[in-house]
Amino acid sequence: MDKKNIKNLVFDFGGILVGLDKERCIAALNSIGAYEISVYVDECRQEDLFHDLEMGDISVPEFCDEVRRKSPRCTATNEKIAWAWGELLTGIPIEKLRKLESLKNDYRLFVLSNTNVIHWERSVDEFFRDHEWGIDDFFEQLFLSYKMGMVKPQKEIFSAMLADAGLKAEETLFIDDSAANCAAASSLGINVLHDPKGDKWIDLV
């Protein structure tokens, strides 16, 4: 990759910008009796209700109804279920926000994320405003799976992003913690940085 040719930076969200704590999420789900759902998190399963929520195929109330259906011991309210699922996210380190603020002077910045309305609204409401920034202070456009009806590593979501933002693949660097997502982007000619722990891109970009 020739960094001189890069004009656009596309960031994954969970794992790259916002921290993830699987054990905390499992504990929160167990605390409301959603033991059957916490197993999904422990096994990193992206199927059924999680996939449907990320695709935007079900609403938050429908998601919560499904949690209670799959977990007979869970009688929690929708708000409590949303809280427990949101406990997967731990926040955005200030050094990452400062890096983004620096990068926006030289690059066009975007987000391309497999996410859901529960996680996204929590991130926007809490993690950016904690530092007195808004997400729009950093990113030109946000490409979110639950709004697009597509998920990574489907190639269609990358193609849609390139077309919508008017980006050239060869001028774009995609940063993600998933090897499969990076492979899909690379197959379309997009430059990629695979950062499994989300802690290297700050020094490499």
N, C-alpha and C. Protein backbone atom coordinates (compact mmCIF):
# COMPACT_ATOMS: atom_id res chain seq x y z
N MET A 1 0.83 -1.20 0.00
CA MET A 1 0.00 0.00 0.00
C MET A 1 0.87 1.25 0.00
N ASP A 2 0.62 2.15 -0.92
CA ASP A 2 1.32 3.42 -0.99
C ASP A 2 0.48 4.47 -0.27
N LYS A 3 0.94 4.88 0.91
CA LYS A 3 0.15 5.82 1.72
C LYS A 3 -0.05 7.15 1.01
N LYS A 4 0.82 7.46 0.07
CA LYS A 4 0.68 8.74 -0.63
C LYS A 4 -0.59 8.79 -1.46
N ASN A 5 -1.07 7.61 -1.87
CA ASN A 5 -2.27 7.56 -2.70
C ASN A 5 -3.57 7.49 -1.90
N ILE A 6 -3.46 7.33 -0.59
CA ILE A 6 -4.66 7.17 0.24
C ILE A 6 -5.27 8.54 0.55
N LYS A 7 -6.55 8.65 0.22
CA LYS A 7 -7.30 9.88 0.49
C LYS A 7 -8.46 9.67 1.46
N ASN A 8 -8.87 8.41 1.61
CA ASN A 8 -10.06 8.10 2.40
C ASN A 8 -9.76 7.01 3.42
N LEU A 9 -10.19 7.21 4.64
CA LEU A 9 -10.03 6.21 5.69
C LEU A 9 -11.41 5.76 6.14
N VAL A 10 -11.62 4.44 6.11
CA VAL A 10 -12.90 3.86 6.50
C VAL A 10 -12.67 2.98 7.73
N PHE A 11 -13.33 3.31 8.82
CA PHE A 11 -13.12 2.62 10.09
C PHE A 11 -14.28 1.69 10.43
N ASP A 12 -13.94 0.48 10.84
CA ASP A 12 -14.89 -0.34 11.57
C ASP A 12 -15.13 0.37 12.90
N PHE A 13 -16.21 0.03 13.57
CA PHE A 13 -16.53 0.73 14.82
C PHE A 13 -16.18 -0.13 16.03
N GLY A 14 -16.93 -1.20 16.27
CA GLY A 14 -16.67 -2.05 17.42
C GLY A 14 -15.37 -2.81 17.28
N GLY A 15 -14.46 -2.62 18.22
CA GLY A 15 -13.17 -3.30 18.18
C GLY A 15 -12.06 -2.42 17.64
N ILE A 16 -12.40 -1.49 16.77
CA ILE A 16 -11.40 -0.57 16.23
C ILE A 16 -11.47 0.78 16.94
N LEU A 17 -12.65 1.34 17.06
CA LEU A 17 -12.81 2.61 17.76
C LEU A 17 -13.34 2.41 19.18
N VAL A 18 -14.44 1.72 19.31
CA VAL A 18 -15.03 1.48 20.63
C VAL A 18 -14.56 0.14 21.17
N GLY A 19 -14.27 0.11 22.46
CA GLY A 19 -13.83 -1.13 23.09
C GLY A 19 -14.98 -2.09 23.31
N LEU A 20 -14.65 -3.38 23.34
CA LEU A 20 -15.65 -4.43 23.55
C LEU A 20 -15.26 -5.27 24.76
N ASP A 21 -16.25 -5.60 25.59
CA ASP A 21 -16.01 -6.44 26.77
C ASP A 21 -17.08 -7.52 26.81
N LYS A 22 -16.74 -8.66 26.23
CA LYS A 22 -17.69 -9.76 26.13
C LYS A 22 -18.10 -10.27 27.51
N GLU A 23 -17.16 -10.37 28.42
CA GLU A 23 -17.47 -10.90 29.74
C GLU A 23 -18.43 -9.99 30.50
N ARG A 24 -18.28 -8.69 30.34
CA ARG A 24 -19.19 -7.76 31.01
C ARG A 24 -20.61 -7.89 30.46
N CYS A 25 -20.70 -8.08 29.16
CA CYS A 25 -22.01 -8.25 28.52
C CYS A 25 -22.67 -9.54 28.98
N ILE A 26 -21.89 -10.62 29.05
CA ILE A 26 -22.43 -11.90 29.52
C ILE A 26 -22.95 -11.76 30.95
N ALA A 27 -22.17 -11.09 31.81
CA ALA A 27 -22.60 -10.90 33.20
C ALA A 27 -23.89 -10.10 33.27
N ALA A 28 -24.01 -9.08 32.43
CA ALA A 28 -25.21 -8.25 32.43
C ALA A 28 -26.43 -9.05 31.96
N LEU A 29 -26.26 -9.83 30.92
CA LEU A 29 -27.36 -10.66 30.43
C LEU A 29 -27.77 -11.70 31.46
N ASN A 30 -26.79 -12.31 32.10
CA ASN A 30 -27.10 -13.29 33.14
C ASN A 30 -27.83 -12.64 34.32
N SER A 31 -27.48 -11.38 34.60
CA SER A 31 -28.09 -10.69 35.74
C SER A 31 -29.58 -10.44 35.55
N ILE A 32 -30.04 -10.45 34.29
CA ILE A 32 -31.47 -10.26 34.03
C ILE A 32 -32.15 -11.58 33.63
N GLY A 33 -31.41 -12.68 33.81
CA GLY A 33 -31.99 -13.99 33.55
C GLY A 33 -31.92 -14.45 32.11
N ALA A 34 -31.18 -13.72 31.26
CA ALA A 34 -31.10 -14.08 29.84
C ALA A 34 -29.92 -15.01 29.60
N TYR A 35 -29.91 -16.13 30.31
CA TYR A 35 -28.78 -17.06 30.25
C TYR A 35 -28.61 -17.66 28.86
N GLU A 36 -29.71 -17.97 28.21
CA GLU A 36 -29.63 -18.58 26.88
C GLU A 36 -29.04 -17.61 25.86
N ILE A 37 -29.28 -16.32 26.05
CA ILE A 37 -28.74 -15.31 25.13
C ILE A 37 -27.27 -15.06 25.41
N SER A 38 -26.86 -15.11 26.67
CA SER A 38 -25.46 -14.87 26.99
C SER A 38 -24.55 -15.92 26.35
N VAL A 39 -25.08 -17.12 26.11
CA VAL A 39 -24.31 -18.16 25.43
C VAL A 39 -23.95 -17.71 24.01
N TYR A 40 -24.87 -17.02 23.34
CA TYR A 40 -24.59 -16.50 22.00
C TYR A 40 -23.37 -15.58 22.03
N VAL A 41 -23.32 -14.72 23.03
CA VAL A 41 -22.21 -13.77 23.15
C VAL A 41 -20.92 -14.52 23.42
N ASP A 42 -20.97 -15.49 24.32
CA ASP A 42 -19.78 -16.25 24.69
C ASP A 42 -19.20 -17.00 23.50
N GLU A 43 -20.08 -17.48 22.62
CA GLU A 43 -19.63 -18.24 21.45
C GLU A 43 -19.43 -17.35 20.22
N CYS A 44 -19.61 -16.04 20.40
CA CYS A 44 -19.47 -15.07 19.30
C CYS A 44 -20.36 -15.44 18.12
N ARG A 45 -21.54 -15.91 18.42
CA ARG A 45 -22.47 -16.30 17.35
C ARG A 45 -23.17 -15.07 16.79
N GLN A 46 -23.12 -14.93 15.49
CA GLN A 46 -23.78 -13.83 14.79
C GLN A 46 -24.91 -14.41 13.95
N GLU A 47 -25.98 -14.76 14.60
CA GLU A 47 -27.09 -15.41 13.90
C GLU A 47 -28.37 -15.08 14.63
N ASP A 48 -29.46 -15.54 14.06
CA ASP A 48 -30.76 -15.38 14.69
C ASP A 48 -31.02 -13.92 15.04
N LEU A 49 -31.36 -13.65 16.29
CA LEU A 49 -31.81 -12.31 16.66
C LEU A 49 -30.71 -11.26 16.56
N PHE A 50 -29.46 -11.62 16.82
CA PHE A 50 -28.37 -10.65 16.69
C PHE A 50 -28.21 -10.22 15.23
N HIS A 51 -28.21 -11.19 14.34
CA HIS A 51 -28.08 -10.90 12.91
C HIS A 51 -29.27 -10.09 12.43
N ASP A 52 -30.45 -10.45 12.86
CA ASP A 52 -31.65 -9.73 12.43
C ASP A 52 -31.62 -8.28 12.89
N LEU A 53 -31.11 -8.04 14.10
CA LEU A 53 -31.03 -6.68 14.61
C LEU A 53 -29.99 -5.87 13.84
N GLU A 54 -28.85 -6.50 13.51
CA GLU A 54 -27.81 -5.81 12.74
C GLU A 54 -28.25 -5.52 11.31
N MET A 55 -29.12 -6.36 10.78
CA MET A 55 -29.63 -6.15 9.43
C MET A 55 -30.78 -5.15 9.40
N GLY A 56 -31.27 -4.78 10.56
CA GLY A 56 -32.42 -3.90 10.61
C GLY A 56 -33.72 -4.60 10.29
N ASP A 57 -33.72 -5.94 10.38
CA ASP A 57 -34.91 -6.72 10.04
C ASP A 57 -35.93 -6.78 11.17
N ILE A 58 -35.48 -6.51 12.40
CA ILE A 58 -36.40 -6.48 13.53
C ILE A 58 -36.17 -5.20 14.32
N SER A 59 -37.21 -4.75 15.00
CA SER A 59 -37.13 -3.56 15.84
C SER A 59 -36.58 -3.93 17.21
N VAL A 60 -36.26 -2.91 18.00
CA VAL A 60 -35.79 -3.18 19.36
C VAL A 60 -36.85 -3.90 20.19
N PRO A 61 -38.12 -3.48 20.16
CA PRO A 61 -39.13 -4.25 20.91
C PRO A 61 -39.23 -5.71 20.46
N GLU A 62 -39.12 -5.95 19.16
CA GLU A 62 -39.15 -7.33 18.66
C GLU A 62 -37.93 -8.11 19.14
N PHE A 63 -36.78 -7.47 19.15
CA PHE A 63 -35.56 -8.10 19.67
C PHE A 63 -35.75 -8.49 21.13
N CYS A 64 -36.29 -7.57 21.91
CA CYS A 64 -36.49 -7.84 23.34
C CYS A 64 -37.51 -8.96 23.55
N ASP A 65 -38.55 -8.97 22.75
CA ASP A 65 -39.53 -10.07 22.83
C ASP A 65 -38.86 -11.41 22.56
N GLU A 66 -37.94 -11.42 21.59
CA GLU A 66 -37.25 -12.66 21.24
C GLU A 66 -36.30 -13.09 22.35
N VAL A 67 -35.65 -12.12 22.99
CA VAL A 67 -34.79 -12.45 24.13
C VAL A 67 -35.60 -13.13 25.22
N ARG A 68 -36.76 -12.57 25.54
CA ARG A 68 -37.60 -13.17 26.58
C ARG A 68 -38.14 -14.54 26.15
N ARG A 69 -38.42 -14.69 24.86
CA ARG A 69 -38.93 -15.98 24.38
C ARG A 69 -37.87 -17.06 24.49
N LYS A 70 -36.63 -16.71 24.14
CA LYS A 70 -35.55 -17.69 24.18
C LYS A 70 -35.05 -17.93 25.60
N SER A 71 -35.32 -17.00 26.50
CA SER A 71 -34.84 -17.10 27.89
C SER A 71 -36.04 -17.03 28.83
N PRO A 72 -36.66 -18.16 29.12
CA PRO A 72 -37.89 -18.16 29.93
C PRO A 72 -37.74 -17.52 31.30
N ARG A 73 -36.51 -17.51 31.84
CA ARG A 73 -36.31 -16.92 33.17
C ARG A 73 -36.16 -15.41 33.11
N CYS A 74 -36.10 -14.84 31.92
CA CYS A 74 -35.93 -13.40 31.76
C CYS A 74 -37.29 -12.71 31.68
N THR A 75 -37.57 -11.87 32.65
CA THR A 75 -38.80 -11.07 32.63
C THR A 75 -38.48 -9.58 32.61
N ALA A 76 -37.27 -9.25 32.21
CA ALA A 76 -36.80 -7.87 32.23
C ALA A 76 -37.57 -7.01 31.23
N THR A 77 -37.61 -5.72 31.51
CA THR A 77 -38.22 -4.76 30.59
C THR A 77 -37.35 -4.60 29.35
N ASN A 78 -37.92 -3.99 28.32
CA ASN A 78 -37.14 -3.70 27.12
C ASN A 78 -35.93 -2.84 27.45
N GLU A 79 -36.12 -1.87 28.33
CA GLU A 79 -35.02 -0.97 28.68
C GLU A 79 -33.88 -1.72 29.36
N LYS A 80 -34.22 -2.67 30.21
CA LYS A 80 -33.19 -3.43 30.92
C LYS A 80 -32.47 -4.38 29.96
N ILE A 81 -33.18 -4.96 29.03
CA ILE A 81 -32.55 -5.83 28.03
C ILE A 81 -31.61 -5.02 27.15
N ALA A 82 -32.05 -3.84 26.73
CA ALA A 82 -31.19 -2.98 25.91
C ALA A 82 -29.94 -2.57 26.69
N TRP A 83 -30.11 -2.29 27.97
CA TRP A 83 -28.94 -1.96 28.81
C TRP A 83 -27.95 -3.11 28.83
N ALA A 84 -28.45 -4.34 29.06
CA ALA A 84 -27.56 -5.50 29.16
C ALA A 84 -26.81 -5.74 27.86
N TRP A 85 -27.49 -5.62 26.74
CA TRP A 85 -26.84 -5.82 25.45
C TRP A 85 -25.84 -4.70 25.18
N GLY A 86 -26.15 -3.51 25.64
CA GLY A 86 -25.24 -2.39 25.47
C GLY A 86 -23.98 -2.49 26.29
N GLU A 87 -23.98 -3.34 27.31
CA GLU A 87 -22.80 -3.50 28.16
C GLU A 87 -21.62 -4.13 27.42
N LEU A 88 -21.84 -4.60 26.19
CA LEU A 88 -20.72 -5.09 25.38
C LEU A 88 -19.73 -3.98 25.08
N LEU A 89 -20.23 -2.75 24.99
CA LEU A 89 -19.40 -1.61 24.59
C LEU A 89 -18.83 -0.92 25.81
N THR A 90 -17.54 -0.59 25.76
CA THR A 90 -16.87 -0.01 26.93
C THR A 90 -16.50 1.45 26.77
N GLY A 91 -16.62 2.00 25.59
CA GLY A 91 -16.25 3.40 25.39
C GLY A 91 -15.13 3.56 24.37
N ILE A 92 -14.83 4.80 24.08
CA ILE A 92 -13.80 5.13 23.09
C ILE A 92 -12.66 5.86 23.80
N PRO A 93 -11.46 5.31 23.78
CA PRO A 93 -10.33 5.98 24.45
C PRO A 93 -10.08 7.37 23.86
N ILE A 94 -9.75 8.30 24.71
CA ILE A 94 -9.54 9.68 24.28
C ILE A 94 -8.44 9.79 23.24
N GLU A 95 -7.42 8.93 23.33
CA GLU A 95 -6.32 9.01 22.36
C GLU A 95 -6.79 8.66 20.95
N LYS A 96 -7.79 7.82 20.83
CA LYS A 96 -8.33 7.50 19.51
C LYS A 96 -9.10 8.68 18.94
N LEU A 97 -9.84 9.38 19.78
CA LEU A 97 -10.57 10.56 19.31
C LEU A 97 -9.60 11.66 18.89
N ARG A 98 -8.53 11.82 19.63
CA ARG A 98 -7.53 12.83 19.27
C ARG A 98 -6.85 12.47 17.95
N LYS A 99 -6.62 11.18 17.74
CA LYS A 99 -6.04 10.74 16.47
C LYS A 99 -6.99 11.03 15.32
N LEU A 100 -8.28 10.75 15.51
CA LEU A 100 -9.26 11.05 14.46
C LEU A 100 -9.30 12.54 14.16
N GLU A 101 -9.22 13.34 15.19
CA GLU A 101 -9.25 14.79 14.99
C GLU A 101 -8.06 15.24 14.15
N SER A 102 -6.91 14.60 14.36
CA SER A 102 -5.73 14.92 13.57
C SER A 102 -5.87 14.42 12.13
N LEU A 103 -6.38 13.21 11.96
CA LEU A 103 -6.48 12.60 10.63
C LEU A 103 -7.46 13.33 9.72
N LYS A 104 -8.50 13.93 10.30
CA LYS A 104 -9.52 14.56 9.45
C LYS A 104 -8.98 15.77 8.70
N ASN A 105 -7.81 16.25 9.10
CA ASN A 105 -7.19 17.36 8.38
C ASN A 105 -6.58 16.92 7.06
N ASP A 106 -6.29 15.63 6.94
CA ASP A 106 -5.60 15.12 5.75
C ASP A 106 -6.39 14.09 4.97
N TYR A 107 -7.44 13.54 5.56
CA TYR A 107 -8.20 12.47 4.90
C TYR A 107 -9.70 12.71 5.05
N ARG A 108 -10.45 12.08 4.17
CA ARG A 108 -11.90 11.96 4.37
C ARG A 108 -12.13 10.73 5.25
N LEU A 109 -12.90 10.89 6.30
CA LEU A 109 -13.11 9.81 7.27
C LEU A 109 -14.54 9.28 7.21
N PHE A 110 -14.66 7.95 7.31
CA PHE A 110 -15.95 7.28 7.24
C PHE A 110 -15.99 6.15 8.26
N VAL A 111 -17.20 5.73 8.61
CA VAL A 111 -17.42 4.53 9.42
C VAL A 111 -18.21 3.53 8.59
N LEU A 112 -17.78 2.27 8.61
CA LEU A 112 -18.54 1.17 8.01
C LEU A 112 -18.63 0.08 9.08
N SER A 113 -19.82 -0.10 9.64
CA SER A 113 -19.94 -0.95 10.82
C SER A 113 -21.12 -1.90 10.76
N ASN A 114 -20.86 -3.14 11.17
CA ASN A 114 -21.95 -4.06 11.51
C ASN A 114 -22.40 -3.67 12.92
N THR A 115 -23.54 -3.03 13.01
CA THR A 115 -24.00 -2.57 14.32
C THR A 115 -25.51 -2.63 14.37
N ASN A 116 -26.04 -2.25 15.48
CA ASN A 116 -27.50 -2.27 15.68
C ASN A 116 -27.90 -0.99 16.39
N VAL A 117 -29.18 -0.72 16.39
CA VAL A 117 -29.66 0.56 16.91
C VAL A 117 -29.35 0.72 18.40
N ILE A 118 -29.37 -0.37 19.16
CA ILE A 118 -29.07 -0.28 20.59
C ILE A 118 -27.64 0.17 20.81
N HIS A 119 -26.70 -0.50 20.17
CA HIS A 119 -25.29 -0.15 20.34
C HIS A 119 -24.98 1.22 19.75
N TRP A 120 -25.56 1.50 18.60
CA TRP A 120 -25.22 2.77 17.95
C TRP A 120 -25.71 3.96 18.75
N GLU A 121 -26.93 3.91 19.22
CA GLU A 121 -27.47 5.04 19.96
C GLU A 121 -26.72 5.24 21.28
N ARG A 122 -26.33 4.15 21.90
CA ARG A 122 -25.54 4.28 23.13
C ARG A 122 -24.19 4.93 22.84
N SER A 123 -23.57 4.53 21.75
CA SER A 123 -22.27 5.09 21.40
C SER A 123 -22.36 6.58 21.13
N VAL A 124 -23.35 6.97 20.35
CA VAL A 124 -23.50 8.38 20.00
C VAL A 124 -23.88 9.21 21.23
N ASP A 125 -24.76 8.67 22.06
CA ASP A 125 -25.25 9.41 23.22
C ASP A 125 -24.21 9.54 24.32
N GLU A 126 -23.39 8.50 24.49
CA GLU A 126 -22.49 8.47 25.64
C GLU A 126 -21.02 8.67 25.28
N PHE A 127 -20.52 7.86 24.36
CA PHE A 127 -19.07 7.76 24.22
C PHE A 127 -18.44 8.99 23.57
N PHE A 128 -19.13 9.62 22.63
CA PHE A 128 -18.58 10.83 22.04
C PHE A 128 -18.85 12.03 22.92
N ARG A 129 -20.06 12.15 23.43
CA ARG A 129 -20.40 13.31 24.25
C ARG A 129 -19.65 13.32 25.57
N ASP A 130 -19.17 12.16 26.00
CA ASP A 130 -18.33 12.11 27.20
C ASP A 130 -17.12 13.01 27.04
N HIS A 131 -16.66 13.15 25.81
CA HIS A 131 -15.46 13.94 25.52
C HIS A 131 -15.81 15.26 24.83
N GLU A 132 -17.09 15.63 24.86
CA GLU A 132 -17.57 16.91 24.32
C GLU A 132 -17.39 17.01 22.81
N TRP A 133 -17.39 15.87 22.14
CA TRP A 133 -17.41 15.83 20.69
C TRP A 133 -18.70 15.16 20.24
N GLY A 134 -19.10 15.45 19.04
CA GLY A 134 -20.16 14.70 18.40
C GLY A 134 -19.56 13.83 17.31
N ILE A 135 -20.23 12.75 16.96
CA ILE A 135 -19.66 11.86 15.95
C ILE A 135 -19.50 12.56 14.61
N ASP A 136 -20.37 13.52 14.33
CA ASP A 136 -20.27 14.25 13.07
C ASP A 136 -19.06 15.18 13.02
N ASP A 137 -18.42 15.39 14.16
CA ASP A 137 -17.20 16.20 14.18
C ASP A 137 -16.04 15.48 13.49
N PHE A 138 -16.17 14.17 13.33
CA PHE A 138 -15.08 13.37 12.78
C PHE A 138 -15.38 12.79 11.40
N PHE A 139 -16.59 12.29 11.21
CA PHE A 139 -16.86 11.46 10.03
C PHE A 139 -17.79 12.15 9.04
N GLU A 140 -17.40 12.02 7.77
CA GLU A 140 -18.19 12.60 6.69
C GLU A 140 -19.48 11.84 6.47
N GLN A 141 -19.42 10.51 6.52
CA GLN A 141 -20.60 9.67 6.37
C GLN A 141 -20.48 8.44 7.24
N LEU A 142 -21.63 7.91 7.64
CA LEU A 142 -21.71 6.72 8.48
C LEU A 142 -22.47 5.65 7.72
N PHE A 143 -21.82 4.52 7.52
CA PHE A 143 -22.45 3.39 6.82
C PHE A 143 -22.70 2.28 7.84
N LEU A 144 -23.96 2.13 8.23
CA LEU A 144 -24.34 1.26 9.33
C LEU A 144 -25.20 0.12 8.82
N SER A 145 -24.85 -1.09 9.20
CA SER A 145 -25.52 -2.28 8.65
C SER A 145 -27.03 -2.24 8.86
N TYR A 146 -27.48 -1.83 10.04
CA TYR A 146 -28.91 -1.90 10.32
C TYR A 146 -29.71 -0.88 9.51
N LYS A 147 -29.03 0.15 8.99
CA LYS A 147 -29.71 1.11 8.11
C LYS A 147 -29.60 0.71 6.65
N MET A 148 -28.54 -0.02 6.30
CA MET A 148 -28.30 -0.41 4.91
C MET A 148 -28.95 -1.73 4.54
N GLY A 149 -29.27 -2.56 5.55
CA GLY A 149 -29.82 -3.88 5.27
C GLY A 149 -28.79 -4.83 4.69
N MET A 150 -27.53 -4.58 4.99
CA MET A 150 -26.41 -5.42 4.54
C MET A 150 -25.40 -5.50 5.67
N VAL A 151 -24.59 -6.56 5.67
CA VAL A 151 -23.56 -6.71 6.68
C VAL A 151 -22.24 -7.12 6.03
N LYS A 152 -21.15 -6.73 6.68
CA LYS A 152 -19.85 -7.27 6.32
C LYS A 152 -19.82 -8.73 6.75
N PRO A 153 -19.17 -9.62 6.02
CA PRO A 153 -18.27 -9.39 4.88
C PRO A 153 -18.93 -9.47 3.51
N GLN A 154 -20.23 -9.22 3.40
CA GLN A 154 -20.85 -9.18 2.08
C GLN A 154 -20.18 -8.10 1.23
N LYS A 155 -19.80 -8.46 0.02
CA LYS A 155 -19.13 -7.49 -0.84
C LYS A 155 -20.06 -6.33 -1.20
N GLU A 156 -21.36 -6.60 -1.19
CA GLU A 156 -22.32 -5.57 -1.58
C GLU A 156 -22.26 -4.34 -0.69
N ILE A 157 -21.95 -4.53 0.59
CA ILE A 157 -21.93 -3.39 1.49
C ILE A 157 -20.74 -2.48 1.19
N PHE A 158 -19.62 -3.09 0.78
CA PHE A 158 -18.46 -2.29 0.40
C PHE A 158 -18.71 -1.55 -0.91
N SER A 159 -19.32 -2.23 -1.86
CA SER A 159 -19.63 -1.60 -3.14
C SER A 159 -20.60 -0.44 -2.95
N ALA A 160 -21.59 -0.64 -2.09
CA ALA A 160 -22.56 0.42 -1.83
C ALA A 160 -21.90 1.63 -1.19
N MET A 161 -20.98 1.38 -0.28
CA MET A 161 -20.26 2.48 0.37
C MET A 161 -19.44 3.27 -0.64
N LEU A 162 -18.68 2.56 -1.49
CA LEU A 162 -17.86 3.24 -2.48
C LEU A 162 -18.71 4.10 -3.40
N ALA A 163 -19.82 3.54 -3.85
CA ALA A 163 -20.69 4.26 -4.78
C ALA A 163 -21.35 5.46 -4.12
N ASP A 164 -21.85 5.27 -2.92
CA ASP A 164 -22.59 6.34 -2.25
C ASP A 164 -21.70 7.52 -1.89
N ALA A 165 -20.48 7.22 -1.44
CA ALA A 165 -19.55 8.28 -1.03
C ALA A 165 -18.69 8.78 -2.18
N GLY A 166 -18.77 8.13 -3.34
CA GLY A 166 -17.96 8.54 -4.48
C GLY A 166 -16.48 8.28 -4.26
N LEU A 167 -16.17 7.13 -3.68
CA LEU A 167 -14.78 6.80 -3.37
C LEU A 167 -14.19 5.87 -4.42
N LYS A 168 -12.89 6.03 -4.66
CA LYS A 168 -12.15 5.09 -5.48
C LYS A 168 -11.49 4.07 -4.56
N ALA A 169 -11.62 2.79 -4.90
CA ALA A 169 -11.10 1.74 -4.04
C ALA A 169 -9.61 1.91 -3.78
N GLU A 170 -8.87 2.26 -4.82
CA GLU A 170 -7.41 2.35 -4.69
C GLU A 170 -6.97 3.54 -3.83
N GLU A 171 -7.87 4.47 -3.57
CA GLU A 171 -7.55 5.63 -2.74
C GLU A 171 -8.11 5.49 -1.33
N THR A 172 -8.61 4.30 -1.02
CA THR A 172 -9.32 4.08 0.24
C THR A 172 -8.63 3.02 1.08
N LEU A 173 -8.49 3.30 2.37
CA LEU A 173 -7.95 2.33 3.33
C LEU A 173 -9.06 1.96 4.32
N PHE A 174 -9.32 0.66 4.42
CA PHE A 174 -10.33 0.12 5.32
C PHE A 174 -9.64 -0.53 6.51
N ILE A 175 -10.04 -0.15 7.72
CA ILE A 175 -9.42 -0.63 8.95
C ILE A 175 -10.45 -1.44 9.73
N ASP A 176 -10.14 -2.72 9.99
CA ASP A 176 -11.13 -3.60 10.63
C ASP A 176 -10.39 -4.65 11.46
N ASP A 177 -11.07 -5.17 12.48
CA ASP A 177 -10.46 -6.21 13.31
C ASP A 177 -10.77 -7.62 12.81
N SER A 178 -11.57 -7.73 11.75
CA SER A 178 -11.96 -9.04 11.22
C SER A 178 -11.21 -9.35 9.93
N ALA A 179 -10.55 -10.50 9.89
CA ALA A 179 -9.83 -10.92 8.69
C ALA A 179 -10.78 -11.13 7.52
N ALA A 180 -11.96 -11.68 7.80
CA ALA A 180 -12.94 -11.93 6.73
C ALA A 180 -13.43 -10.62 6.11
N ASN A 181 -13.66 -9.62 6.94
CA ASN A 181 -14.10 -8.33 6.42
C ASN A 181 -13.01 -7.67 5.58
N CYS A 182 -11.77 -7.79 6.04
CA CYS A 182 -10.65 -7.22 5.29
C CYS A 182 -10.48 -7.94 3.95
N ALA A 183 -10.66 -9.24 3.95
CA ALA A 183 -10.52 -10.00 2.70
C ALA A 183 -11.58 -9.59 1.69
N ALA A 184 -12.80 -9.36 2.16
CA ALA A 184 -13.87 -8.94 1.26
C ALA A 184 -13.57 -7.57 0.66
N ALA A 185 -13.09 -6.66 1.49
CA ALA A 185 -12.75 -5.33 1.00
C ALA A 185 -11.59 -5.39 0.01
N SER A 186 -10.59 -6.19 0.33
CA SER A 186 -9.42 -6.31 -0.53
C SER A 186 -9.78 -6.87 -1.90
N SER A 187 -10.76 -7.76 -1.94
CA SER A 187 -11.17 -8.36 -3.22
C SER A 187 -11.76 -7.34 -4.17
N LEU A 188 -12.17 -6.20 -3.64
CA LEU A 188 -12.71 -5.12 -4.47
C LEU A 188 -11.67 -4.05 -4.77
N GLY A 189 -10.43 -4.31 -4.37
CA GLY A 189 -9.36 -3.36 -4.65
C GLY A 189 -9.14 -2.32 -3.58
N ILE A 190 -9.86 -2.45 -2.46
CA ILE A 190 -9.69 -1.52 -1.35
C ILE A 190 -8.46 -1.91 -0.54
N ASN A 191 -7.64 -0.93 -0.18
CA ASN A 191 -6.51 -1.19 0.71
C ASN A 191 -7.05 -1.52 2.10
N VAL A 192 -6.38 -2.43 2.80
CA VAL A 192 -6.89 -2.84 4.11
C VAL A 192 -5.79 -2.84 5.16
N LEU A 193 -6.20 -2.60 6.39
CA LEU A 193 -5.34 -2.75 7.55
C LEU A 193 -6.09 -3.63 8.55
N HIS A 194 -5.61 -4.86 8.70
CA HIS A 194 -6.23 -5.79 9.65
C HIS A 194 -5.61 -5.55 11.02
N ASP A 195 -6.42 -5.12 11.95
CA ASP A 195 -5.96 -4.77 13.30
C ASP A 195 -6.80 -5.54 14.31
N PRO A 196 -6.42 -6.80 14.61
CA PRO A 196 -7.28 -7.68 15.43
C PRO A 196 -7.64 -7.12 16.80
N LYS A 197 -6.73 -6.37 17.42
CA LYS A 197 -7.01 -5.83 18.75
C LYS A 197 -7.40 -4.36 18.72
N GLY A 198 -7.38 -3.77 17.55
CA GLY A 198 -7.79 -2.37 17.43
C GLY A 198 -6.85 -1.38 18.07
N ASP A 199 -5.59 -1.78 18.27
CA ASP A 199 -4.66 -0.90 18.97
C ASP A 199 -3.43 -0.51 18.16
N LYS A 200 -3.36 -0.95 16.90
CA LYS A 200 -2.17 -0.67 16.09
C LYS A 200 -2.38 0.46 15.10
N TRP A 201 -3.63 0.69 14.68
CA TRP A 201 -3.86 1.64 13.60
C TRP A 201 -3.43 3.06 13.98
N ILE A 202 -3.49 3.39 15.26
CA ILE A 202 -3.12 4.74 15.69
C ILE A 202 -1.70 5.07 15.27
N ASP A 203 -0.80 4.09 15.35
CA ASP A 203 0.61 4.32 15.01
C ASP A 203 0.92 4.04 13.56
N LEU A 204 0.02 3.35 12.84
CA LEU A 204 0.31 2.94 11.47
C LEU A 204 -0.31 3.84 10.42
N VAL A 205 -1.27 4.64 10.80
CA VAL A 205 -1.96 5.50 9.82
C VAL A 205 -1.42 6.92 9.95
